[in-house]
Amino acid sequence: MSADLFSAVLIGLVSSAHCLGMCGGVTMALGLQHHGFGHLLGYNLGRISTYALLGVLIGAGLSWLPAAAMPALRLIAAILLILIALYYLNIAAWITRLERLALPLWRRVQPLTRRWLPAKNPLQAYRLGLVWGLLPCGLVYTALGFAGTAANPLSSGLLMLAFGAGTLPSMLATGVFSQQFKKGMNHSLVRLLIGILLLIMALWMASHSLPGGH
């Protein structure tokens, strides 16, 4: 489980550039960064809470699977890591296509945020984050699929919590630093290294899902 938690945190970290482009824009548009750290933290904790809840739900939904299915789930997790690696290696842009599929659902959910706009306190910012945690994001969906392979409500929820924690440092960054971080994460060499690291992790995970793996 510790290796899975590390993988989930890593997925969150490598998702940072993508997160800054999406949720980071949301925090600026809503003016949360100008209200102080409390509002920004509240929003992000709400977002991560939604991720964890989704992890619990998918873990509960798959908990009925027999133990014999676990190797297959591990193999699926490895495939999901490969998909993220391909995205960072600029080989496949499947993430954007996946996000488009979820837009109809998001259009129904987004109006719920109006009751807490503008966010007057960190609690309202937290509530906003709960809703904005449903913003269509291919990397979140991939992390959710990865968490689902645990097939356990608590374990899957912890994996999504770890993923959210991995995104937190970049999302709490403001101003010039956040732009420098985003630029650094999008550098071709950095993306190459991230892609290679994810491929290595995927191969390790796949080897442990095959008969005789440890």
N, C-alpha and C. Protein backbone atom coordinates (compact mmCIF):
# COMPACT_ATOMS: atom_id res chain seq x y z
N MET A 1 0.84 -1.21 0.00
CA MET A 1 0.00 0.00 0.00
C MET A 1 0.87 1.25 0.00
N SER A 2 2.03 1.19 0.67
CA SER A 2 2.90 2.36 0.73
C SER A 2 3.39 2.74 -0.66
N ALA A 3 3.69 1.74 -1.50
CA ALA A 3 4.12 2.02 -2.87
C ALA A 3 2.99 2.68 -3.66
N ASP A 4 1.76 2.22 -3.41
CA ASP A 4 0.61 2.82 -4.09
C ASP A 4 0.40 4.26 -3.65
N LEU A 5 0.57 4.52 -2.36
CA LEU A 5 0.44 5.90 -1.85
C LEU A 5 1.50 6.80 -2.46
N PHE A 6 2.72 6.29 -2.58
CA PHE A 6 3.79 7.07 -3.21
C PHE A 6 3.43 7.36 -4.67
N SER A 7 2.90 6.34 -5.36
CA SER A 7 2.50 6.53 -6.76
C SER A 7 1.40 7.58 -6.87
N ALA A 8 0.45 7.55 -5.94
CA ALA A 8 -0.66 8.52 -5.98
C ALA A 8 -0.15 9.94 -5.74
N VAL A 9 0.76 10.10 -4.79
CA VAL A 9 1.35 11.43 -4.53
C VAL A 9 2.11 11.90 -5.77
N LEU A 10 2.85 10.98 -6.38
CA LEU A 10 3.63 11.33 -7.58
C LEU A 10 2.72 11.76 -8.72
N ILE A 11 1.61 11.04 -8.89
CA ILE A 11 0.65 11.43 -9.93
C ILE A 11 0.14 12.83 -9.67
N GLY A 12 -0.13 13.14 -8.39
CA GLY A 12 -0.56 14.49 -8.03
C GLY A 12 0.49 15.52 -8.34
N LEU A 13 1.75 15.22 -8.01
CA LEU A 13 2.83 16.15 -8.26
C LEU A 13 3.01 16.41 -9.76
N VAL A 14 3.01 15.34 -10.55
CA VAL A 14 3.22 15.52 -11.99
C VAL A 14 1.99 16.13 -12.66
N SER A 15 0.86 16.11 -11.95
CA SER A 15 -0.34 16.74 -12.48
C SER A 15 -0.36 18.24 -12.22
N SER A 16 0.64 18.74 -11.48
CA SER A 16 0.61 20.12 -11.01
C SER A 16 0.47 21.14 -12.13
N ALA A 17 1.22 20.94 -13.21
CA ALA A 17 1.15 21.90 -14.32
C ALA A 17 -0.25 21.93 -14.90
N HIS A 18 -0.86 20.75 -15.04
CA HIS A 18 -2.22 20.67 -15.58
C HIS A 18 -3.20 21.31 -14.60
N CYS A 19 -2.98 21.06 -13.30
CA CYS A 19 -3.86 21.64 -12.27
C CYS A 19 -3.78 23.16 -12.26
N LEU A 20 -2.56 23.69 -12.40
CA LEU A 20 -2.41 25.15 -12.41
C LEU A 20 -3.12 25.77 -13.59
N GLY A 21 -3.17 25.04 -14.70
CA GLY A 21 -3.83 25.56 -15.89
C GLY A 21 -5.34 25.55 -15.76
N MET A 22 -5.87 24.65 -14.91
CA MET A 22 -7.33 24.53 -14.77
C MET A 22 -7.80 25.13 -13.45
N CYS A 23 -7.54 24.42 -12.34
CA CYS A 23 -8.00 24.90 -11.04
C CYS A 23 -7.31 26.19 -10.63
N GLY A 24 -6.03 26.36 -11.05
CA GLY A 24 -5.34 27.60 -10.75
C GLY A 24 -6.04 28.79 -11.37
N GLY A 25 -6.52 28.61 -12.57
CA GLY A 25 -7.29 29.66 -13.23
C GLY A 25 -8.59 29.95 -12.50
N VAL A 26 -9.17 28.91 -11.91
CA VAL A 26 -10.41 29.08 -11.15
C VAL A 26 -10.16 29.95 -9.93
N THR A 27 -9.08 29.68 -9.19
CA THR A 27 -8.80 30.46 -7.98
C THR A 27 -8.57 31.93 -8.31
N MET A 28 -7.93 32.19 -9.45
CA MET A 28 -7.72 33.58 -9.86
C MET A 28 -9.03 34.22 -10.29
N ALA A 29 -9.84 33.48 -11.05
CA ALA A 29 -11.11 34.02 -11.53
C ALA A 29 -12.06 34.33 -10.38
N LEU A 30 -12.02 33.50 -9.33
CA LEU A 30 -12.89 33.71 -8.19
C LEU A 30 -12.29 34.69 -7.18
N GLY A 31 -11.07 35.13 -7.43
CA GLY A 31 -10.42 36.08 -6.54
C GLY A 31 -9.98 35.50 -5.22
N LEU A 32 -9.87 34.16 -5.13
CA LEU A 32 -9.52 33.54 -3.86
C LEU A 32 -8.11 33.88 -3.42
N GLN A 33 -7.21 34.06 -4.39
CA GLN A 33 -5.83 34.37 -4.04
C GLN A 33 -5.71 35.74 -3.38
N HIS A 34 -6.64 36.64 -3.71
CA HIS A 34 -6.57 38.00 -3.18
C HIS A 34 -7.18 38.10 -1.78
N HIS A 35 -7.93 37.08 -1.36
CA HIS A 35 -8.55 37.10 -0.04
C HIS A 35 -7.62 36.60 1.05
N GLY A 36 -6.50 36.05 0.66
CA GLY A 36 -5.56 35.54 1.66
C GLY A 36 -5.44 34.03 1.62
N PHE A 37 -4.49 33.55 2.43
CA PHE A 37 -4.16 32.13 2.42
C PHE A 37 -5.32 31.26 2.90
N GLY A 38 -6.11 31.77 3.86
CA GLY A 38 -7.21 30.99 4.40
C GLY A 38 -8.22 30.60 3.34
N HIS A 39 -8.59 31.54 2.48
CA HIS A 39 -9.54 31.25 1.41
C HIS A 39 -8.95 30.24 0.42
N LEU A 40 -7.69 30.43 0.06
CA LEU A 40 -7.04 29.55 -0.90
C LEU A 40 -6.92 28.13 -0.34
N LEU A 41 -6.55 28.03 0.95
CA LEU A 41 -6.44 26.72 1.58
C LEU A 41 -7.81 26.05 1.69
N GLY A 42 -8.82 26.82 2.07
CA GLY A 42 -10.17 26.27 2.18
C GLY A 42 -10.65 25.70 0.87
N TYR A 43 -10.43 26.45 -0.22
CA TYR A 43 -10.85 25.99 -1.54
C TYR A 43 -10.16 24.67 -1.90
N ASN A 44 -8.87 24.60 -1.67
CA ASN A 44 -8.11 23.40 -2.05
C ASN A 44 -8.45 22.21 -1.16
N LEU A 45 -8.72 22.45 0.12
CA LEU A 45 -9.14 21.36 0.98
C LEU A 45 -10.50 20.83 0.55
N GLY A 46 -11.37 21.72 0.08
CA GLY A 46 -12.66 21.27 -0.43
C GLY A 46 -12.49 20.42 -1.68
N ARG A 47 -11.61 20.86 -2.56
CA ARG A 47 -11.33 20.10 -3.79
C ARG A 47 -10.79 18.71 -3.46
N ILE A 48 -9.85 18.63 -2.52
CA ILE A 48 -9.25 17.35 -2.15
C ILE A 48 -10.27 16.47 -1.42
N SER A 49 -11.16 17.07 -0.65
CA SER A 49 -12.21 16.30 0.02
C SER A 49 -13.09 15.60 -1.00
N THR A 50 -13.40 16.29 -2.09
CA THR A 50 -14.21 15.67 -3.14
C THR A 50 -13.45 14.51 -3.78
N TYR A 51 -12.16 14.69 -4.02
CA TYR A 51 -11.36 13.60 -4.58
C TYR A 51 -11.42 12.38 -3.66
N ALA A 52 -11.24 12.61 -2.35
CA ALA A 52 -11.23 11.50 -1.40
C ALA A 52 -12.59 10.80 -1.36
N LEU A 53 -13.66 11.60 -1.40
CA LEU A 53 -15.01 11.02 -1.38
C LEU A 53 -15.24 10.17 -2.63
N LEU A 54 -14.80 10.67 -3.78
CA LEU A 54 -14.94 9.89 -5.01
C LEU A 54 -14.14 8.59 -4.91
N GLY A 55 -12.97 8.67 -4.27
CA GLY A 55 -12.18 7.46 -4.08
C GLY A 55 -12.90 6.45 -3.21
N VAL A 56 -13.53 6.92 -2.12
CA VAL A 56 -14.30 6.03 -1.25
C VAL A 56 -15.43 5.37 -2.03
N LEU A 57 -16.11 6.15 -2.85
CA LEU A 57 -17.25 5.62 -3.61
C LEU A 57 -16.81 4.56 -4.62
N ILE A 58 -15.73 4.84 -5.36
CA ILE A 58 -15.30 3.86 -6.35
C ILE A 58 -14.72 2.63 -5.67
N GLY A 59 -14.05 2.83 -4.52
CA GLY A 59 -13.54 1.68 -3.77
C GLY A 59 -14.68 0.80 -3.26
N ALA A 60 -15.75 1.43 -2.78
CA ALA A 60 -16.91 0.68 -2.30
C ALA A 60 -17.60 -0.04 -3.46
N GLY A 61 -17.64 0.62 -4.62
CA GLY A 61 -18.28 0.01 -5.77
C GLY A 61 -17.56 -1.21 -6.30
N LEU A 62 -16.23 -1.28 -6.06
CA LEU A 62 -15.44 -2.41 -6.55
C LEU A 62 -15.06 -3.40 -5.45
N SER A 63 -15.52 -3.15 -4.22
CA SER A 63 -15.11 -3.99 -3.11
C SER A 63 -15.68 -5.40 -3.17
N TRP A 64 -16.69 -5.59 -4.00
CA TRP A 64 -17.30 -6.92 -4.12
C TRP A 64 -16.45 -7.87 -4.96
N LEU A 65 -15.45 -7.36 -5.63
CA LEU A 65 -14.62 -8.21 -6.49
C LEU A 65 -13.84 -9.23 -5.67
N PRO A 66 -13.67 -10.46 -6.17
CA PRO A 66 -12.91 -11.48 -5.44
C PRO A 66 -11.42 -11.18 -5.45
N ALA A 67 -10.69 -11.80 -4.54
CA ALA A 67 -9.25 -11.59 -4.45
C ALA A 67 -8.54 -11.97 -5.73
N ALA A 68 -9.11 -12.93 -6.47
CA ALA A 68 -8.49 -13.37 -7.72
C ALA A 68 -8.45 -12.28 -8.76
N ALA A 69 -9.29 -11.23 -8.58
CA ALA A 69 -9.33 -10.13 -9.56
C ALA A 69 -8.27 -9.08 -9.30
N MET A 70 -7.62 -9.14 -8.14
CA MET A 70 -6.66 -8.11 -7.77
C MET A 70 -5.49 -7.97 -8.74
N PRO A 71 -4.89 -9.08 -9.22
CA PRO A 71 -3.80 -8.92 -10.21
C PRO A 71 -4.24 -8.17 -11.46
N ALA A 72 -5.47 -8.43 -11.91
CA ALA A 72 -5.98 -7.74 -13.09
C ALA A 72 -6.15 -6.25 -12.81
N LEU A 73 -6.59 -5.91 -11.61
CA LEU A 73 -6.74 -4.50 -11.25
C LEU A 73 -5.38 -3.82 -11.18
N ARG A 74 -4.38 -4.53 -10.69
CA ARG A 74 -3.03 -3.96 -10.65
C ARG A 74 -2.51 -3.70 -12.06
N LEU A 75 -2.84 -4.60 -12.97
CA LEU A 75 -2.42 -4.42 -14.36
C LEU A 75 -3.11 -3.20 -14.96
N ILE A 76 -4.39 -3.01 -14.62
CA ILE A 76 -5.12 -1.83 -15.10
C ILE A 76 -4.46 -0.56 -14.55
N ALA A 77 -4.05 -0.61 -13.28
CA ALA A 77 -3.38 0.55 -12.68
C ALA A 77 -2.10 0.87 -13.44
N ALA A 78 -1.36 -0.17 -13.83
CA ALA A 78 -0.13 0.03 -14.60
C ALA A 78 -0.43 0.67 -15.95
N ILE A 79 -1.50 0.24 -16.58
CA ILE A 79 -1.89 0.81 -17.88
C ILE A 79 -2.25 2.28 -17.74
N LEU A 80 -2.93 2.62 -16.64
CA LEU A 80 -3.30 4.02 -16.40
C LEU A 80 -2.05 4.89 -16.21
N LEU A 81 -1.05 4.35 -15.52
CA LEU A 81 0.20 5.09 -15.36
C LEU A 81 0.88 5.29 -16.71
N ILE A 82 0.80 4.27 -17.57
CA ILE A 82 1.38 4.39 -18.91
C ILE A 82 0.68 5.49 -19.70
N LEU A 83 -0.64 5.60 -19.55
CA LEU A 83 -1.39 6.65 -20.25
C LEU A 83 -0.94 8.04 -19.80
N ILE A 84 -0.71 8.19 -18.49
CA ILE A 84 -0.22 9.49 -18.00
C ILE A 84 1.18 9.76 -18.56
N ALA A 85 2.01 8.71 -18.59
CA ALA A 85 3.36 8.86 -19.13
C ALA A 85 3.32 9.30 -20.59
N LEU A 86 2.44 8.71 -21.37
CA LEU A 86 2.33 9.08 -22.79
C LEU A 86 1.91 10.54 -22.95
N TYR A 87 1.06 10.99 -22.02
CA TYR A 87 0.65 12.40 -22.06
C TYR A 87 1.85 13.31 -21.82
N TYR A 88 2.69 12.96 -20.83
CA TYR A 88 3.85 13.80 -20.53
C TYR A 88 4.95 13.67 -21.57
N LEU A 89 4.95 12.57 -22.32
CA LEU A 89 5.92 12.40 -23.40
C LEU A 89 5.40 12.98 -24.71
N ASN A 90 4.24 13.65 -24.64
CA ASN A 90 3.62 14.29 -25.81
C ASN A 90 3.34 13.29 -26.94
N ILE A 91 3.00 12.06 -26.54
CA ILE A 91 2.70 11.04 -27.53
C ILE A 91 1.19 10.91 -27.74
N ALA A 92 0.42 11.14 -26.70
CA ALA A 92 -1.03 11.01 -26.81
C ALA A 92 -1.71 12.11 -26.00
N ALA A 93 -2.70 12.76 -26.60
CA ALA A 93 -3.44 13.84 -25.94
C ALA A 93 -4.82 13.35 -25.54
N TRP A 94 -4.88 12.12 -25.01
CA TRP A 94 -6.16 11.52 -24.65
C TRP A 94 -6.86 12.25 -23.51
N ILE A 95 -6.08 12.95 -22.68
CA ILE A 95 -6.65 13.61 -21.49
C ILE A 95 -7.70 14.65 -21.88
N THR A 96 -7.39 15.46 -22.88
CA THR A 96 -8.33 16.51 -23.28
C THR A 96 -9.61 15.91 -23.84
N ARG A 97 -9.50 14.80 -24.54
CA ARG A 97 -10.71 14.15 -25.08
C ARG A 97 -11.56 13.59 -23.96
N LEU A 98 -10.92 13.05 -22.93
CA LEU A 98 -11.66 12.52 -21.78
C LEU A 98 -12.38 13.64 -21.05
N GLU A 99 -11.75 14.79 -20.94
CA GLU A 99 -12.36 15.92 -20.25
C GLU A 99 -13.61 16.40 -20.98
N ARG A 100 -13.58 16.36 -22.30
CA ARG A 100 -14.75 16.82 -23.08
C ARG A 100 -15.96 15.94 -22.81
N LEU A 101 -15.75 14.66 -22.56
CA LEU A 101 -16.85 13.74 -22.33
C LEU A 101 -17.62 14.08 -21.05
N ALA A 102 -16.93 14.69 -20.08
CA ALA A 102 -17.56 15.00 -18.79
C ALA A 102 -18.17 16.40 -18.75
N LEU A 103 -18.03 17.18 -19.80
CA LEU A 103 -18.54 18.55 -19.79
C LEU A 103 -20.05 18.65 -19.57
N PRO A 104 -20.88 17.77 -20.17
CA PRO A 104 -22.34 17.88 -19.92
C PRO A 104 -22.69 17.76 -18.45
N LEU A 105 -22.04 16.85 -17.72
CA LEU A 105 -22.30 16.71 -16.29
C LEU A 105 -21.84 17.95 -15.54
N TRP A 106 -20.68 18.51 -15.91
CA TRP A 106 -20.15 19.69 -15.24
C TRP A 106 -21.08 20.88 -15.42
N ARG A 107 -21.69 21.02 -16.57
CA ARG A 107 -22.61 22.14 -16.80
C ARG A 107 -23.81 22.08 -15.86
N ARG A 108 -24.17 20.89 -15.41
CA ARG A 108 -25.28 20.75 -14.47
C ARG A 108 -24.86 21.04 -13.03
N VAL A 109 -23.60 20.76 -12.74
CA VAL A 109 -23.10 20.91 -11.36
C VAL A 109 -22.63 22.33 -11.07
N GLN A 110 -22.02 22.99 -12.04
CA GLN A 110 -21.40 24.29 -11.83
C GLN A 110 -22.33 25.35 -11.22
N PRO A 111 -23.61 25.41 -11.61
CA PRO A 111 -24.49 26.44 -11.02
C PRO A 111 -24.60 26.38 -9.51
N LEU A 112 -24.25 25.24 -8.89
CA LEU A 112 -24.31 25.13 -7.44
C LEU A 112 -23.34 26.09 -6.75
N THR A 113 -22.32 26.53 -7.46
CA THR A 113 -21.32 27.41 -6.85
C THR A 113 -21.83 28.82 -6.64
N ARG A 114 -22.90 29.20 -7.31
CA ARG A 114 -23.36 30.59 -7.26
C ARG A 114 -23.78 31.02 -5.86
N ARG A 115 -24.27 30.07 -5.07
CA ARG A 115 -24.76 30.44 -3.73
C ARG A 115 -23.63 30.84 -2.80
N TRP A 116 -22.37 30.49 -3.14
CA TRP A 116 -21.23 30.82 -2.28
C TRP A 116 -20.30 31.83 -2.94
N LEU A 117 -20.80 32.52 -3.94
CA LEU A 117 -20.01 33.54 -4.62
C LEU A 117 -20.55 34.92 -4.29
N PRO A 118 -19.67 35.88 -3.96
CA PRO A 118 -18.24 35.66 -3.71
C PRO A 118 -18.00 34.98 -2.37
N ALA A 119 -16.91 34.26 -2.25
CA ALA A 119 -16.59 33.56 -1.01
C ALA A 119 -16.17 34.57 0.05
N LYS A 120 -16.97 34.70 1.11
CA LYS A 120 -16.71 35.71 2.13
C LYS A 120 -15.81 35.21 3.25
N ASN A 121 -15.65 33.89 3.34
CA ASN A 121 -14.83 33.31 4.39
C ASN A 121 -14.27 31.97 3.92
N PRO A 122 -13.30 31.40 4.64
CA PRO A 122 -12.70 30.13 4.22
C PRO A 122 -13.71 28.98 4.12
N LEU A 123 -14.76 29.00 4.95
CA LEU A 123 -15.76 27.94 4.90
C LEU A 123 -16.50 27.95 3.56
N GLN A 124 -16.87 29.14 3.11
CA GLN A 124 -17.52 29.24 1.80
C GLN A 124 -16.56 28.85 0.69
N ALA A 125 -15.28 29.19 0.84
CA ALA A 125 -14.27 28.78 -0.13
C ALA A 125 -14.15 27.26 -0.16
N TYR A 126 -14.25 26.64 1.03
CA TYR A 126 -14.21 25.17 1.12
C TYR A 126 -15.38 24.57 0.36
N ARG A 127 -16.55 25.14 0.53
CA ARG A 127 -17.73 24.63 -0.17
C ARG A 127 -17.58 24.79 -1.68
N LEU A 128 -17.00 25.91 -2.09
CA LEU A 128 -16.72 26.07 -3.52
C LEU A 128 -15.79 24.97 -4.02
N GLY A 129 -14.77 24.68 -3.21
CA GLY A 129 -13.83 23.63 -3.59
C GLY A 129 -14.48 22.28 -3.72
N LEU A 130 -15.47 22.00 -2.86
CA LEU A 130 -16.18 20.73 -2.94
C LEU A 130 -16.82 20.55 -4.32
N VAL A 131 -17.39 21.63 -4.84
CA VAL A 131 -18.04 21.56 -6.16
C VAL A 131 -17.00 21.56 -7.28
N TRP A 132 -16.00 22.45 -7.17
CA TRP A 132 -15.00 22.56 -8.22
C TRP A 132 -14.10 21.33 -8.29
N GLY A 133 -14.16 20.47 -7.26
CA GLY A 133 -13.45 19.20 -7.32
C GLY A 133 -14.01 18.28 -8.38
N LEU A 134 -15.21 18.61 -8.89
CA LEU A 134 -15.84 17.83 -9.95
C LEU A 134 -15.52 18.39 -11.34
N LEU A 135 -14.68 19.42 -11.40
CA LEU A 135 -14.29 19.99 -12.68
C LEU A 135 -13.66 18.91 -13.56
N PRO A 136 -14.11 18.77 -14.81
CA PRO A 136 -13.56 17.72 -15.69
C PRO A 136 -12.05 17.81 -15.81
N CYS A 137 -11.37 16.74 -15.44
CA CYS A 137 -9.91 16.69 -15.49
C CYS A 137 -9.48 15.26 -15.76
N GLY A 138 -8.82 15.05 -16.89
CA GLY A 138 -8.40 13.72 -17.27
C GLY A 138 -7.45 13.09 -16.28
N LEU A 139 -6.56 13.89 -15.69
CA LEU A 139 -5.60 13.35 -14.73
C LEU A 139 -6.29 12.93 -13.43
N VAL A 140 -7.32 13.66 -13.04
CA VAL A 140 -8.09 13.26 -11.86
C VAL A 140 -8.80 11.94 -12.13
N TYR A 141 -9.36 11.80 -13.32
CA TYR A 141 -10.05 10.56 -13.67
C TYR A 141 -9.08 9.39 -13.70
N THR A 142 -7.88 9.64 -14.19
CA THR A 142 -6.87 8.59 -14.21
C THR A 142 -6.48 8.19 -12.80
N ALA A 143 -6.28 9.19 -11.94
CA ALA A 143 -5.96 8.91 -10.54
C ALA A 143 -7.11 8.15 -9.88
N LEU A 144 -8.33 8.49 -10.23
CA LEU A 144 -9.50 7.81 -9.67
C LEU A 144 -9.53 6.35 -10.12
N GLY A 145 -9.19 6.13 -11.39
CA GLY A 145 -9.11 4.75 -11.87
C GLY A 145 -8.03 3.98 -11.15
N PHE A 146 -6.90 4.64 -10.92
CA PHE A 146 -5.80 4.02 -10.18
C PHE A 146 -6.23 3.69 -8.76
N ALA A 147 -6.92 4.62 -8.10
CA ALA A 147 -7.39 4.40 -6.73
C ALA A 147 -8.41 3.26 -6.68
N GLY A 148 -9.22 3.15 -7.73
CA GLY A 148 -10.23 2.10 -7.78
C GLY A 148 -9.65 0.71 -7.78
N THR A 149 -8.40 0.57 -8.22
CA THR A 149 -7.78 -0.75 -8.25
C THR A 149 -7.54 -1.31 -6.86
N ALA A 150 -7.61 -0.47 -5.83
CA ALA A 150 -7.48 -0.97 -4.46
C ALA A 150 -8.73 -1.74 -4.05
N ALA A 151 -9.86 -1.42 -4.70
CA ALA A 151 -11.13 -2.12 -4.46
C ALA A 151 -11.50 -2.16 -2.97
N ASN A 152 -11.26 -1.07 -2.29
CA ASN A 152 -11.56 -0.96 -0.86
C ASN A 152 -11.87 0.50 -0.56
N PRO A 153 -12.99 0.79 0.10
CA PRO A 153 -13.37 2.19 0.33
C PRO A 153 -12.29 3.01 1.03
N LEU A 154 -11.73 2.47 2.12
CA LEU A 154 -10.72 3.21 2.86
C LEU A 154 -9.44 3.38 2.06
N SER A 155 -8.96 2.30 1.46
CA SER A 155 -7.71 2.36 0.69
C SER A 155 -7.85 3.27 -0.52
N SER A 156 -8.96 3.15 -1.24
CA SER A 156 -9.17 3.99 -2.42
C SER A 156 -9.30 5.45 -2.04
N GLY A 157 -9.98 5.71 -0.91
CA GLY A 157 -10.10 7.08 -0.42
C GLY A 157 -8.75 7.66 -0.04
N LEU A 158 -7.91 6.85 0.62
CA LEU A 158 -6.58 7.30 1.00
C LEU A 158 -5.71 7.59 -0.23
N LEU A 159 -5.85 6.79 -1.26
CA LEU A 159 -5.08 7.01 -2.48
C LEU A 159 -5.47 8.33 -3.14
N MET A 160 -6.76 8.63 -3.17
CA MET A 160 -7.19 9.90 -3.75
C MET A 160 -6.79 11.07 -2.85
N LEU A 161 -6.77 10.84 -1.55
CA LEU A 161 -6.29 11.87 -0.62
C LEU A 161 -4.81 12.15 -0.87
N ALA A 162 -4.04 11.08 -1.12
CA ALA A 162 -2.62 11.23 -1.42
C ALA A 162 -2.43 11.96 -2.75
N PHE A 163 -3.26 11.64 -3.73
CA PHE A 163 -3.20 12.34 -5.02
C PHE A 163 -3.45 13.83 -4.81
N GLY A 164 -4.49 14.15 -4.06
CA GLY A 164 -4.80 15.55 -3.80
C GLY A 164 -3.68 16.26 -3.07
N ALA A 165 -3.05 15.57 -2.11
CA ALA A 165 -1.94 16.16 -1.39
C ALA A 165 -0.78 16.47 -2.32
N GLY A 166 -0.59 15.63 -3.34
CA GLY A 166 0.47 15.87 -4.31
C GLY A 166 0.24 17.13 -5.13
N THR A 167 -1.03 17.48 -5.35
CA THR A 167 -1.33 18.69 -6.13
C THR A 167 -1.29 19.95 -5.27
N LEU A 168 -1.30 19.79 -3.95
CA LEU A 168 -1.47 20.93 -3.05
C LEU A 168 -0.35 21.97 -3.12
N PRO A 169 0.94 21.56 -3.13
CA PRO A 169 2.00 22.59 -3.12
C PRO A 169 1.89 23.59 -4.26
N SER A 170 1.66 23.09 -5.47
CA SER A 170 1.59 24.01 -6.61
C SER A 170 0.33 24.87 -6.55
N MET A 171 -0.77 24.29 -6.05
CA MET A 171 -2.02 25.04 -6.00
C MET A 171 -2.02 26.12 -4.92
N LEU A 172 -1.17 25.95 -3.90
CA LEU A 172 -1.07 26.97 -2.86
C LEU A 172 -0.07 28.05 -3.23
N ALA A 173 0.71 27.79 -4.26
CA ALA A 173 1.65 28.80 -4.73
C ALA A 173 0.88 29.94 -5.40
N THR A 174 1.37 31.14 -5.24
CA THR A 174 0.69 32.29 -5.82
C THR A 174 1.68 33.16 -6.58
N GLY A 175 1.12 33.99 -7.43
CA GLY A 175 1.93 35.00 -8.11
C GLY A 175 3.00 34.45 -9.01
N VAL A 176 4.18 35.07 -8.93
CA VAL A 176 5.28 34.75 -9.83
C VAL A 176 5.73 33.31 -9.65
N PHE A 177 5.76 32.82 -8.40
CA PHE A 177 6.25 31.47 -8.15
C PHE A 177 5.42 30.43 -8.88
N SER A 178 4.09 30.59 -8.87
CA SER A 178 3.23 29.61 -9.53
C SER A 178 3.50 29.59 -11.03
N GLN A 179 3.75 30.74 -11.63
CA GLN A 179 4.04 30.78 -13.05
C GLN A 179 5.39 30.13 -13.36
N GLN A 180 6.37 30.36 -12.49
CA GLN A 180 7.67 29.73 -12.67
C GLN A 180 7.57 28.21 -12.52
N PHE A 181 6.77 27.77 -11.54
CA PHE A 181 6.57 26.34 -11.32
C PHE A 181 5.91 25.71 -12.54
N LYS A 182 4.88 26.35 -13.05
CA LYS A 182 4.18 25.83 -14.21
C LYS A 182 5.11 25.76 -15.42
N LYS A 183 5.91 26.80 -15.60
CA LYS A 183 6.85 26.82 -16.72
C LYS A 183 7.87 25.71 -16.58
N GLY A 184 8.36 25.49 -15.35
CA GLY A 184 9.34 24.43 -15.12
C GLY A 184 8.77 23.05 -15.36
N MET A 185 7.52 22.82 -14.92
CA MET A 185 6.89 21.52 -15.10
C MET A 185 6.60 21.23 -16.56
N ASN A 186 6.43 22.29 -17.37
CA ASN A 186 6.14 22.10 -18.79
C ASN A 186 7.40 22.07 -19.65
N HIS A 187 8.56 22.21 -19.03
CA HIS A 187 9.81 22.15 -19.78
C HIS A 187 9.95 20.76 -20.39
N SER A 188 10.44 20.70 -21.62
CA SER A 188 10.50 19.43 -22.35
C SER A 188 11.32 18.38 -21.61
N LEU A 189 12.45 18.79 -21.00
CA LEU A 189 13.29 17.84 -20.29
C LEU A 189 12.58 17.31 -19.05
N VAL A 190 11.89 18.19 -18.33
CA VAL A 190 11.15 17.78 -17.13
C VAL A 190 10.05 16.80 -17.50
N ARG A 191 9.32 17.11 -18.56
CA ARG A 191 8.25 16.21 -19.02
C ARG A 191 8.82 14.86 -19.43
N LEU A 192 9.98 14.87 -20.07
CA LEU A 192 10.62 13.62 -20.47
C LEU A 192 10.98 12.77 -19.24
N LEU A 193 11.58 13.41 -18.24
CA LEU A 193 11.96 12.70 -17.02
C LEU A 193 10.73 12.15 -16.29
N ILE A 194 9.67 12.95 -16.23
CA ILE A 194 8.44 12.50 -15.58
C ILE A 194 7.87 11.30 -16.33
N GLY A 195 7.82 11.40 -17.66
CA GLY A 195 7.29 10.31 -18.46
C GLY A 195 8.07 9.02 -18.26
N ILE A 196 9.39 9.11 -18.24
CA ILE A 196 10.24 7.93 -18.04
C ILE A 196 10.02 7.33 -16.66
N LEU A 197 9.94 8.20 -15.63
CA LEU A 197 9.72 7.72 -14.27
C LEU A 197 8.38 6.99 -14.16
N LEU A 198 7.36 7.54 -14.77
CA LEU A 198 6.04 6.90 -14.72
C LEU A 198 6.06 5.56 -15.46
N LEU A 199 6.78 5.49 -16.56
CA LEU A 199 6.88 4.22 -17.30
C LEU A 199 7.59 3.17 -16.45
N ILE A 200 8.64 3.56 -15.74
CA ILE A 200 9.34 2.62 -14.86
C ILE A 200 8.42 2.11 -13.77
N MET A 201 7.65 3.03 -13.17
CA MET A 201 6.70 2.63 -12.13
C MET A 201 5.64 1.70 -12.69
N ALA A 202 5.18 1.99 -13.91
CA ALA A 202 4.15 1.16 -14.53
C ALA A 202 4.68 -0.25 -14.80
N LEU A 203 5.90 -0.34 -15.27
CA LEU A 203 6.50 -1.66 -15.53
C LEU A 203 6.67 -2.45 -14.23
N TRP A 204 7.10 -1.74 -13.17
CA TRP A 204 7.23 -2.39 -11.87
C TRP A 204 5.88 -2.91 -11.38
N MET A 205 4.85 -2.09 -11.54
CA MET A 205 3.52 -2.48 -11.09
C MET A 205 2.98 -3.64 -11.92
N ALA A 206 3.22 -3.60 -13.24
CA ALA A 206 2.76 -4.67 -14.11
C ALA A 206 3.45 -5.98 -13.77
N SER A 207 4.74 -5.92 -13.47
CA SER A 207 5.47 -7.15 -13.13
C SER A 207 4.93 -7.78 -11.87
N HIS A 208 4.42 -6.96 -10.94
CA HIS A 208 3.87 -7.49 -9.70
C HIS A 208 2.43 -7.97 -9.86
N SER A 209 1.83 -7.70 -11.00
CA SER A 209 0.46 -8.18 -11.24
C SER A 209 0.46 -9.52 -11.97
N LEU A 210 1.61 -9.94 -12.50
CA LEU A 210 1.71 -11.20 -13.23
C LEU A 210 1.99 -12.35 -12.28
N PRO A 211 1.62 -13.57 -12.70
CA PRO A 211 1.91 -14.74 -11.85
C PRO A 211 3.39 -14.81 -11.51
N GLY A 212 3.71 -15.01 -10.25
CA GLY A 212 5.09 -15.09 -9.83
C GLY A 212 5.66 -13.75 -9.42
N GLY A 213 4.90 -12.65 -9.62
CA GLY A 213 5.37 -11.32 -9.21
C GLY A 213 5.32 -11.19 -7.70
N HIS A 214 6.12 -10.28 -7.17
CA HIS A 214 6.18 -10.12 -5.71
C HIS A 214 5.90 -8.66 -5.35
